[in-house]
C-alpha cells in the first residue's frame, strides 16, 4: 500500500486524497492515515517544488542537497 501511495505522490505531491484514492483503489481514510504514518517515520520528509529554469531565462541553476543521518 505504501509503495502505491508513494508512486502517486512522486509524480504529483499536491494530488488530493480523493485522486490518490481513485488511482490506488484505497479509501481516503486509509490514504490519510498512511501518509501521516510515512511523514511521522521520515519516509516522506517534505514536499518540494521543482521549477523549469529555462522558463525564467536561466540555462543553469544551483542544486541544494540535504543529507541527514
PDB file of N, CA and C in Angstrom:
ATOM      1  N   UNK A   1       0.816  -1.201   0.000  1.00  0.00           N
ATOM      2  CA  UNK A   1       0.000   0.000   0.000  1.00  0.00           C
ATOM      3  C   UNK A   1       0.858   1.263   0.000  1.00  0.00           C
ATOM      4  N   UNK A   2       1.856   1.282   0.877  1.00  0.00           N
ATOM      5  CA  UNK A   2       2.707   2.464   0.991  1.00  0.00           C
ATOM      6  C   UNK A   2       3.370   2.791  -0.343  1.00  0.00           C
ATOM      7  N   UNK A   3       3.864   1.772  -1.002  1.00  0.00           N
ATOM      8  CA  UNK A   3       4.571   1.978  -2.271  1.00  0.00           C
ATOM      9  C   UNK A   3       3.644   2.572  -3.327  1.00  0.00           C
ATOM     10  N   UNK A   4       2.405   2.104  -3.384  1.00  0.00           N
ATOM     11  CA  UNK A   4       1.443   2.621  -4.358  1.00  0.00           C
ATOM     12  C   UNK A   4       1.147   4.097  -4.090  1.00  0.00           C
ATOM     13  N   UNK A   5       1.029   4.457  -2.839  1.00  0.00           N
ATOM     14  CA  UNK A   5       0.780   5.857  -2.470  1.00  0.00           C
ATOM     15  C   UNK A   5       1.992   6.711  -2.824  1.00  0.00           C
ATOM     16  N   UNK A   6       3.183   6.235  -2.497  1.00  0.00           N
ATOM     17  CA  UNK A   6       4.397   6.989  -2.784  1.00  0.00           C
ATOM     18  C   UNK A   6       4.616   7.186  -4.278  1.00  0.00           C
ATOM     19  N   UNK A   7       4.260   6.203  -5.076  1.00  0.00           N
ATOM     20  CA  UNK A   7       4.383   6.332  -6.527  1.00  0.00           C
ATOM     21  C   UNK A   7       3.511   7.482  -7.025  1.00  0.00           C
ATOM     22  N   UNK A   8       2.294   7.572  -6.529  1.00  0.00           N
ATOM     23  CA  UNK A   8       1.405   8.659  -6.950  1.00  0.00           C
ATOM     24  C   UNK A   8       1.926  10.012  -6.478  1.00  0.00           C
ATOM     25  N   UNK A   9       2.385  10.092  -5.238  1.00  0.00           N
ATOM     26  CA  UNK A   9       2.888  11.354  -4.702  1.00  0.00           C
ATOM     27  C   UNK A   9       4.191  11.789  -5.365  1.00  0.00           C
ATOM     28  N   UNK A  10       4.959  10.832  -5.848  1.00  0.00           N
ATOM     29  CA  UNK A  10       6.233  11.160  -6.504  1.00  0.00           C
ATOM     30  C   UNK A  10       5.995  12.027  -7.735  1.00  0.00           C
ATOM     31  N   UNK A  11       4.958  11.742  -8.470  1.00  0.00           N
ATOM     32  CA  UNK A  11       4.683  12.483  -9.694  1.00  0.00           C
ATOM     33  C   UNK A  11       3.879  13.750  -9.456  1.00  0.00           C
ATOM     34  N   UNK A  12       3.118  13.797  -8.364  1.00  0.00           N
ATOM     35  CA  UNK A  12       2.331  14.984  -8.064  1.00  0.00           C
ATOM     36  C   UNK A  12       2.120  15.079  -6.554  1.00  0.00           C
ATOM     37  N   UNK A  13       3.043  15.721  -5.829  1.00  0.00           N
ATOM     38  CA  UNK A  13       2.934  15.804  -4.369  1.00  0.00           C
ATOM     39  C   UNK A  13       1.701  16.557  -3.881  1.00  0.00           C
ATOM     40  N   UNK A  14       1.053  17.314  -4.760  1.00  0.00           N
ATOM     41  CA  UNK A  14      -0.125  18.089  -4.360  1.00  0.00           C
ATOM     42  C   UNK A  14      -1.429  17.371  -4.713  1.00  0.00           C
ATOM     43  N   UNK A  15      -1.329  16.120  -5.135  1.00  0.00           N
ATOM     44  CA  UNK A  15      -2.515  15.364  -5.512  1.00  0.00           C
ATOM     45  C   UNK A  15      -3.447  15.209  -4.310  1.00  0.00           C
ATOM     46  N   UNK A  16      -4.737  15.337  -4.547  1.00  0.00           N
ATOM     47  CA  UNK A  16      -5.717  15.230  -3.457  1.00  0.00           C
ATOM     48  C   UNK A  16      -5.865  13.773  -3.001  1.00  0.00           C
ATOM     49  N   UNK A  17      -6.345  13.620  -1.780  1.00  0.00           N
ATOM     50  CA  UNK A  17      -6.584  12.280  -1.248  1.00  0.00           C
ATOM     51  C   UNK A  17      -7.607  11.535  -2.110  1.00  0.00           C
ATOM     52  N   UNK A  18      -8.575  12.258  -2.623  1.00  0.00           N
ATOM     53  CA  UNK A  18      -9.602  11.630  -3.460  1.00  0.00           C
ATOM     54  C   UNK A  18      -8.976  11.080  -4.748  1.00  0.00           C
ATOM     55  N   UNK A  19      -8.091  11.856  -5.374  1.00  0.00           N
ATOM     56  CA  UNK A  19      -7.444  11.397  -6.608  1.00  0.00           C
ATOM     57  C   UNK A  19      -6.527  10.199  -6.341  1.00  0.00           C
ATOM     58  N   UNK A  20      -5.790  10.244  -5.240  1.00  0.00           N
ATOM     59  CA  UNK A  20      -4.934   9.104  -4.880  1.00  0.00           C
ATOM     60  C   UNK A  20      -5.804   7.878  -4.621  1.00  0.00           C
ATOM     61  N   UNK A  21      -6.922   8.091  -3.955  1.00  0.00           N
ATOM     62  CA  UNK A  21      -7.855   7.006  -3.655  1.00  0.00           C
ATOM     63  C   UNK A  21      -8.361   6.338  -4.932  1.00  0.00           C
ATOM     64  N   UNK A  22      -8.724   7.156  -5.906  1.00  0.00           N
ATOM     65  CA  UNK A  22      -9.210   6.616  -7.186  1.00  0.00           C
ATOM     66  C   UNK A  22      -8.134   5.805  -7.899  1.00  0.00           C
ATOM     67  N   UNK A  23      -6.904   6.300  -7.874  1.00  0.00           N
ATOM     68  CA  UNK A  23      -5.826   5.618  -8.591  1.00  0.00           C
ATOM     69  C   UNK A  23      -5.347   4.358  -7.897  1.00  0.00           C
ATOM     70  N   UNK A  24      -5.411   4.339  -6.567  1.00  0.00           N
ATOM     71  CA  UNK A  24      -4.893   3.195  -5.815  1.00  0.00           C
ATOM     72  C   UNK A  24      -5.980   2.217  -5.373  1.00  0.00           C
ATOM     73  N   UNK A  25      -7.239   2.633  -5.512  1.00  0.00           N
ATOM     74  CA  UNK A  25      -8.381   1.812  -5.080  1.00  0.00           C
ATOM     75  C   UNK A  25      -8.392   1.602  -3.559  1.00  0.00           C
ATOM     76  N   UNK A  26      -7.866   2.582  -2.820  1.00  0.00           N
ATOM     77  CA  UNK A  26      -7.869   2.559  -1.361  1.00  0.00           C
ATOM     78  C   UNK A  26      -8.785   3.680  -0.869  1.00  0.00           C
ATOM     79  N   UNK A  27      -9.300   3.545   0.339  1.00  0.00           N
ATOM     80  CA  UNK A  27     -10.180   4.583   0.875  1.00  0.00           C
ATOM     81  C   UNK A  27      -9.368   5.835   1.216  1.00  0.00           C
ATOM     82  N   UNK A  28     -10.044   6.988   1.217  1.00  0.00           N
ATOM     83  CA  UNK A  28      -9.356   8.238   1.552  1.00  0.00           C
ATOM     84  C   UNK A  28      -8.845   8.217   2.993  1.00  0.00           C
ATOM     85  N   UNK A  29      -9.574   7.576   3.881  1.00  0.00           N
ATOM     86  CA  UNK A  29      -9.138   7.466   5.281  1.00  0.00           C
ATOM     87  C   UNK A  29      -7.846   6.653   5.380  1.00  0.00           C
ATOM     88  N   UNK A  30      -7.770   5.562   4.615  1.00  0.00           N
ATOM     89  CA  UNK A  30      -6.549   4.744   4.600  1.00  0.00           C
ATOM     90  C   UNK A  30      -5.383   5.557   4.056  1.00  0.00           C
ATOM     91  N   UNK A  31      -5.615   6.292   2.986  1.00  0.00           N
ATOM     92  CA  UNK A  31      -4.564   7.120   2.380  1.00  0.00           C
ATOM     93  C   UNK A  31      -4.079   8.153   3.388  1.00  0.00           C
ATOM     94  N   UNK A  32      -5.017   8.838   4.028  1.00  0.00           N
ATOM     95  CA  UNK A  32      -4.667   9.861   5.009  1.00  0.00           C
ATOM     96  C   UNK A  32      -3.832   9.277   6.141  1.00  0.00           C
ATOM     97  N   UNK A  33      -4.262   8.153   6.690  1.00  0.00           N
ATOM     98  CA  UNK A  33      -3.521   7.510   7.782  1.00  0.00           C
ATOM     99  C   UNK A  33      -2.129   7.070   7.336  1.00  0.00           C
ATOM    100  N   UNK A  34      -2.035   6.511   6.135  1.00  0.00           N
ATOM    101  CA  UNK A  34      -0.740   6.050   5.629  1.00  0.00           C
ATOM    102  C   UNK A  34       0.215   7.214   5.412  1.00  0.00           C
ATOM    103  N   UNK A  35      -0.284   8.313   4.852  1.00  0.00           N
ATOM    104  CA  UNK A  35       0.577   9.479   4.618  1.00  0.00           C
ATOM    105  C   UNK A  35       1.067  10.041   5.950  1.00  0.00           C
ATOM    106  N   UNK A  36       0.189  10.145   6.941  1.00  0.00           N
ATOM    107  CA  UNK A  36       0.600  10.615   8.271  1.00  0.00           C
ATOM    108  C   UNK A  36       1.670   9.701   8.861  1.00  0.00           C
ATOM    109  N   UNK A  37       1.487   8.388   8.706  1.00  0.00           N
ATOM    110  CA  UNK A  37       2.459   7.422   9.208  1.00  0.00           C
ATOM    111  C   UNK A  37       3.814   7.601   8.504  1.00  0.00           C
ATOM    112  N   UNK A  38       3.773   7.746   7.180  1.00  0.00           N
ATOM    113  CA  UNK A  38       5.008   7.905   6.402  1.00  0.00           C
ATOM    114  C   UNK A  38       5.728   9.207   6.757  1.00  0.00           C
ATOM    115  N   UNK A  39       4.979  10.269   7.022  1.00  0.00           N
ATOM    116  CA  UNK A  39       5.586  11.540   7.432  1.00  0.00           C
ATOM    117  C   UNK A  39       6.190  11.410   8.830  1.00  0.00           C
ATOM    118  N   UNK A  40       5.470  10.800   9.743  1.00  0.00           N
ATOM    119  CA  UNK A  40       5.940  10.636  11.129  1.00  0.00           C
ATOM    120  C   UNK A  40       7.221   9.817  11.186  1.00  0.00           C
ATOM    121  N   UNK A  41       7.345   8.825  10.314  1.00  0.00           N
ATOM    122  CA  UNK A  41       8.512   7.950  10.315  1.00  0.00           C
ATOM    123  C   UNK A  41       9.586   8.375   9.315  1.00  0.00           C
ATOM    124  N   UNK A  42       9.506   9.622   8.868  1.00  0.00           N
ATOM    125  CA  UNK A  42      10.509  10.234   7.988  1.00  0.00           C
ATOM    126  C   UNK A  42      10.729   9.498   6.672  1.00  0.00           C
ATOM    127  N   UNK A  43       9.714   8.791   6.213  1.00  0.00           N
ATOM    128  CA  UNK A  43       9.775   8.241   4.857  1.00  0.00           C
ATOM    129  C   UNK A  43       9.485   9.387   3.893  1.00  0.00           C
ATOM    130  N   UNK A  44       8.428  10.151   4.194  1.00  0.00           N
ATOM    131  CA  UNK A  44       8.146  11.389   3.485  1.00  0.00           C
ATOM    132  C   UNK A  44       8.719  12.501   4.352  1.00  0.00           C
ATOM    133  N   UNK A  45       9.755  13.162   3.841  1.00  0.00           N
ATOM    134  CA  UNK A  45      10.444  14.180   4.633  1.00  0.00           C
ATOM    135  C   UNK A  45      10.058  15.598   4.225  1.00  0.00           C
ATOM    136  N   UNK A  46       9.268  15.730   3.189  1.00  0.00           N
ATOM    137  CA  UNK A  46       8.829  17.052   2.761  1.00  0.00           C
ATOM    138  C   UNK A  46       8.249  16.980   1.366  1.00  0.00           C
ATOM    139  N   UNK A  47       7.689  18.086   0.961  1.00  0.00           N
ATOM    140  CA  UNK A  47       7.112  18.215  -0.375  1.00  0.00           C
ATOM    141  C   UNK A  47       7.825  19.383  -1.031  1.00  0.00           C
ATOM    142  N   UNK A  48       8.429  19.143  -2.187  1.00  0.00           N
ATOM    143  CA  UNK A  48       9.300  20.133  -2.787  1.00  0.00           C
ATOM    144  C   UNK A  48       8.790  20.598  -4.137  1.00  0.00           C
ATOM    145  N   UNK A  49       9.112  21.822  -4.441  1.00  0.00           N
ATOM    146  CA  UNK A  49       8.755  22.412  -5.710  1.00  0.00           C
ATOM    147  C   UNK A  49       9.930  22.231  -6.678  1.00  0.00           C
ATOM    148  N   UNK A  50       9.626  21.949  -7.911  1.00  0.00           N
ATOM    149  CA  UNK A  50      10.630  21.874  -8.953  1.00  0.00           C
ATOM    150  C   UNK A  50      10.258  22.903 -10.011  1.00  0.00           C
ATOM    151  N   UNK A  51      11.220  23.723 -10.393  1.00  0.00           N
ATOM    152  CA  UNK A  51      10.935  24.728 -11.406  1.00  0.00           C
ATOM    153  C   UNK A  51      11.737  24.441 -12.672  1.00  0.00           C
ATOM    154  N   UNK A  52      11.264  24.980 -13.762  1.00  0.00           N
ATOM    155  CA  UNK A  52      11.962  24.873 -15.033  1.00  0.00           C
ATOM    156  C   UNK A  52      12.774  26.157 -15.203  1.00  0.00           C
ATOM    157  N   UNK A  53      14.113  26.111 -15.021  1.00  0.00           N
ATOM    158  CA  UNK A  53      14.923  27.329 -15.075  1.00  0.00           C
ATOM    159  C   UNK A  53      14.900  27.995 -16.456  1.00  0.00           C
ATOM    160  N   UNK A  54      14.661  27.241 -17.504  1.00  0.00           N
ATOM    161  CA  UNK A  54      14.624  27.798 -18.856  1.00  0.00           C
ATOM    162  C   UNK A  54      13.482  28.815 -18.984  1.00  0.00           C
ATOM    163  N   UNK A  55      12.370  28.555 -18.325  1.00  0.00           N
ATOM    164  CA  UNK A  55      11.226  29.474 -18.388  1.00  0.00           C
ATOM    165  C   UNK A  55      11.509  30.802 -17.698  1.00  0.00           C
ATOM    166  N   UNK A  56      12.562  30.839 -16.883  1.00  0.00           N
ATOM    167  CA  UNK A  56      12.979  32.075 -16.240  1.00  0.00           C
ATOM    168  C   UNK A  56      14.195  32.690 -16.913  1.00  0.00           C
ATOM    169  N   UNK A  57      14.575  32.127 -18.038  1.00  0.00           N
ATOM    170  CA  UNK A  57      15.703  32.663 -18.786  1.00  0.00           C
ATOM    171  C   UNK A  57      17.062  32.187 -18.298  1.00  0.00           C
ATOM    172  N   UNK A  58      17.091  31.160 -17.476  1.00  0.00           N
ATOM    173  CA  UNK A  58      18.351  30.617 -16.967  1.00  0.00           C
ATOM    174  C   UNK A  58      18.736  29.363 -17.742  1.00  0.00           C
ATOM    175  N   UNK A  59      20.025  29.221 -18.016  1.00  0.00           N
ATOM    176  CA  UNK A  59      20.466  27.993 -18.671  1.00  0.00           C
ATOM    177  C   UNK A  59      21.035  27.014 -17.655  1.00  0.00           C
ATOM    178  N   UNK A  60      21.358  27.488 -16.468  1.00  0.00           N
ATOM    179  CA  UNK A  60      21.846  26.619 -15.389  1.00  0.00           C
ATOM    180  C   UNK A  60      21.163  27.035 -14.091  1.00  0.00           C
ATOM    181  N   UNK A  61      21.287  26.195 -13.094  1.00  0.00           N
ATOM    182  CA  UNK A  61      20.726  26.516 -11.790  1.00  0.00           C
ATOM    183  C   UNK A  61      21.548  25.823 -10.722  1.00  0.00           C
ATOM    184  N   UNK A  62      21.411  26.296  -9.491  1.00  0.00           N
ATOM    185  CA  UNK A  62      22.113  25.689  -8.360  1.00  0.00           C
ATOM    186  C   UNK A  62      21.284  24.542  -7.819  1.00  0.00           C
ATOM    187  N   UNK A  63      21.980  23.539  -7.312  1.00  0.00           N
ATOM    188  CA  UNK A  63      21.315  22.364  -6.756  1.00  0.00           C
ATOM    189  C   UNK A  63      21.677  22.274  -5.279  1.00  0.00           C
ATOM    190  N   UNK A  64      20.683  22.108  -4.438  1.00  0.00           N
ATOM    191  CA  UNK A  64      20.887  22.021  -2.984  1.00  0.00           C
ATOM    192  C   UNK A  64      20.643  20.577  -2.543  1.00  0.00           C
ATOM    193  N   UNK A  65      21.620  19.999  -1.879  1.00  0.00           N
ATOM    194  CA  UNK A  65      21.465  18.655  -1.328  1.00  0.00           C
ATOM    195  C   UNK A  65      21.356  18.768   0.181  1.00  0.00           C
ATOM    196  N   UNK A  66      20.447  18.006   0.736  1.00  0.00           N
ATOM    197  CA  UNK A  66      20.307  17.957   2.196  1.00  0.00           C
ATOM    198  C   UNK A  66      20.556  16.509   2.606  1.00  0.00           C
ATOM    199  N   UNK A  67      21.563  16.310   3.445  1.00  0.00           N
ATOM    200  CA  UNK A  67      21.926  14.964   3.890  1.00  0.00           C
ATOM    201  C   UNK A  67      21.666  14.866   5.382  1.00  0.00           C
ATOM    202  N   UNK A  68      21.004  13.793   5.770  1.00  0.00           N
ATOM    203  CA  UNK A  68      20.732  13.574   7.186  1.00  0.00           C
ATOM    204  C   UNK A  68      21.179  12.185   7.586  1.00  0.00           C
ATOM    205  N   UNK A  69      21.619  12.043   8.815  1.00  0.00           N
ATOM    206  CA  UNK A  69      21.972  10.720   9.338  1.00  0.00           C
ATOM    207  C   UNK A  69      20.746  10.028   9.825  1.00  0.00           C
TER     208      UNK A  69
END
